[in-house]
Protein backbone atom coordinates (compact mmCIF):
# COMPACT_ATOMS: atom_id res chain seq x y z
CA MET A 1 -6.97 -12.53 16.82
CA THR A 2 -4.67 -15.27 15.80
CA PRO A 3 -1.40 -14.82 13.94
CA LYS A 4 -2.86 -16.32 10.93
CA GLU A 5 -5.87 -13.89 10.99
CA TYR A 6 -3.67 -11.07 11.59
CA VAL A 7 -1.34 -11.76 8.46
CA LYS A 8 -4.52 -12.38 6.38
CA ARG A 9 -5.97 -8.98 7.66
CA PHE A 10 -2.75 -7.28 6.66
CA TYR A 11 -2.64 -8.68 3.13
CA GLU A 12 -6.27 -7.88 2.57
CA SER A 13 -5.75 -4.24 3.65
CA ASP A 14 -4.64 -1.43 1.41
CA PHE A 15 -1.27 -1.42 2.71
CA ALA A 16 0.21 -0.03 -0.61
CA ASN A 17 -1.99 3.17 -0.60
CA ASP A 18 -2.57 3.50 3.34
CA THR A 19 0.75 4.21 5.24
CA THR A 20 -1.12 3.85 8.43
CA VAL A 21 -1.45 0.06 7.60
CA ILE A 22 2.22 -0.30 7.94
CA ASP A 23 2.22 1.58 11.21
CA ASN A 24 -0.35 -0.53 12.68
CA TYR A 25 0.97 -4.00 11.41
CA LEU A 26 4.69 -4.01 11.30
CA HIS A 27 6.83 -3.97 14.44
CA LYS A 28 9.20 -0.90 14.65
CA ASP A 29 12.14 -3.49 14.48
CA CYS A 30 10.95 -5.27 11.57
CA LEU A 31 13.19 -6.87 9.17
CA LEU A 32 12.25 -8.27 5.71
CA HIS A 33 14.87 -10.53 4.07
CA TRP A 34 13.78 -10.45 0.43
CA SER A 35 15.13 -12.64 -2.35
CA SER A 36 14.05 -11.23 -5.69
CA SER A 37 15.12 -11.32 -9.34
CA LYS A 38 17.06 -8.32 -8.50
CA GLY A 39 18.94 -10.28 -5.82
CA PHE A 40 18.90 -10.25 -2.01
CA SER A 41 17.94 -7.24 0.17
CA VAL A 42 17.04 -6.65 3.84
CA LEU A 43 14.43 -4.00 4.40
CA LYS A 44 13.80 -2.25 7.64
CA PHE A 45 10.46 -0.68 8.65
CA ASN A 46 11.22 2.51 6.99
CA ASP A 47 12.37 0.86 3.91
CA ILE A 48 9.32 -1.22 3.59
CA LYS A 49 7.21 2.03 4.14
CA ASP A 50 9.14 3.69 1.33
CA LEU A 51 8.69 0.80 -0.96
CA PHE A 52 4.96 1.00 -0.54
CA LEU A 53 4.92 4.75 -1.05
CA ASP A 54 6.83 4.18 -4.41
CA ILE A 55 4.25 1.57 -5.41
CA SER A 56 1.34 3.92 -4.62
CA ARG A 57 2.91 6.42 -6.87
CA THR A 58 3.69 3.93 -9.65
CA TYR A 59 0.46 1.98 -10.02
CA GLU A 60 -3.09 2.88 -10.27
CA SER A 61 -4.14 -0.09 -7.93
CA PHE A 62 -2.33 -2.97 -6.19
CA ARG A 63 -4.10 -6.08 -4.96
CA VAL A 64 -2.85 -9.18 -3.30
CA GLU A 65 -4.63 -12.57 -3.95
CA ILE A 66 -3.67 -15.27 -1.29
CA SER A 67 -3.64 -18.89 -2.40
CA HIS A 68 -1.93 -20.41 0.73
CA LEU A 69 -1.86 -19.38 4.38
CA LEU A 70 -0.33 -21.71 6.82
CA ALA A 71 0.31 -20.92 10.54
CA ASP A 72 2.55 -22.60 13.16
CA GLU A 73 2.37 -20.90 16.57
CA ASN A 74 3.72 -17.39 15.80
CA PHE A 75 5.00 -18.07 12.23
CA VAL A 76 2.67 -17.58 9.33
CA THR A 77 3.61 -18.66 5.76
CA THR A 78 1.66 -16.98 2.81
CA ARG A 79 1.82 -17.75 -0.89
CA TYR A 80 0.12 -14.88 -3.06
CA THR A 81 0.13 -13.12 -6.35
CA VAL A 82 0.16 -9.26 -6.65
CA TYR A 83 -2.10 -7.80 -9.25
CA VAL A 84 -1.69 -4.30 -10.45
CA ARG A 85 -3.13 -1.64 -12.60
CA THR A 86 -0.59 0.55 -14.35
CA ILE A 87 -1.26 4.45 -14.57
CA GLU A 88 -0.90 4.05 -18.27
CA ASP A 89 -3.52 1.26 -18.71
CA PRO A 90 -5.75 1.52 -15.60
CA ASP A 91 -8.54 -0.41 -17.06
CA GLU A 92 -6.47 -3.79 -17.31
CA GLU A 93 -5.40 -5.63 -14.22
CA GLN A 94 -2.30 -7.68 -14.61
CA PRO A 95 -0.44 -10.17 -12.47
CA MET A 96 2.90 -8.55 -11.44
CA ALA A 97 4.53 -11.23 -9.31
CA HIS A 98 4.43 -14.22 -7.28
CA PHE A 99 5.50 -14.36 -3.47
CA ILE A 100 5.90 -16.71 -0.71
CA THR A 101 6.75 -15.12 2.63
CA ILE A 102 7.18 -16.50 6.22
CA TRP A 103 6.35 -13.97 8.78
CA GLU A 104 7.35 -14.17 12.53
CA LEU A 105 5.11 -12.14 14.63
CA LYS A 106 6.35 -10.40 18.03
CA ASP A 107 4.16 -8.21 20.26
CA ASN A 108 1.28 -9.15 17.89
CA LYS A 109 3.14 -7.39 14.82
CA LEU A 110 4.89 -8.57 11.77
CA TYR A 111 8.53 -8.75 13.18
CA ARG A 112 10.78 -10.96 10.84
CA GLY A 113 9.90 -11.70 7.16
CA TYR A 114 11.67 -14.06 4.94
CA GLU A 115 10.32 -13.56 1.32
CA ILE A 116 11.07 -14.73 -2.03
CA SER A 117 9.40 -13.40 -5.18
CA GLN A 118 9.57 -14.05 -9.17
CA GLN A 119 7.83 -12.09 -12.04
CA ALA A 120 4.36 -13.53 -12.55
CA ASP A 121 4.18 -16.13 -15.28
CA VAL A 122 0.84 -15.33 -16.85
CA SER A 123 0.32 -18.79 -18.49
CA LEU A 124 -3.09 -20.38 -17.52
CA GLU A 125 -1.43 -23.24 -15.87
CA SER A 126 0.69 -20.99 -13.72
CA LEU A 127 -2.19 -18.72 -12.63
CA LYS A 128 -4.29 -21.75 -11.83
CA SER A 129 -1.53 -23.00 -9.40
CA PHE A 130 -2.04 -19.83 -7.34
CA SER A 131 -5.88 -20.46 -7.01
CA LYS A 132 -7.12 -20.15 -3.63
CA ILE A 133 -6.83 -23.35 -1.68
CA LYS A 134 -8.51 -23.98 1.67
CA VAL A 135 -5.93 -25.11 4.24
């Protein structure tokens, strides 16, 4: 499997609800360098696992829609939107945030991530910019 296919499969999996996905896809020495609206943080393997455990408790569902997926050897860049259904309103799916992540793969696992995120802008123009693009 190519690095691009590997990253795509990871984002298409149910990683927010199935902790075995994290175990199978992330390198044990994984580091995610994340710049968000809350500031900069570096998450290690167990921090990432804990983050998704919290997400699974907080949201009824969690879905990723990829708009861009680019690869250069063992580096893969993805641009995507996360959609959630809250426990309070499980019938309505809402965009939560937009992300761009550059992953470096090592030993066929996600090893280093460099991520930037912002809260989703729900305007039609913004959401259209995250439509799937074939590259």
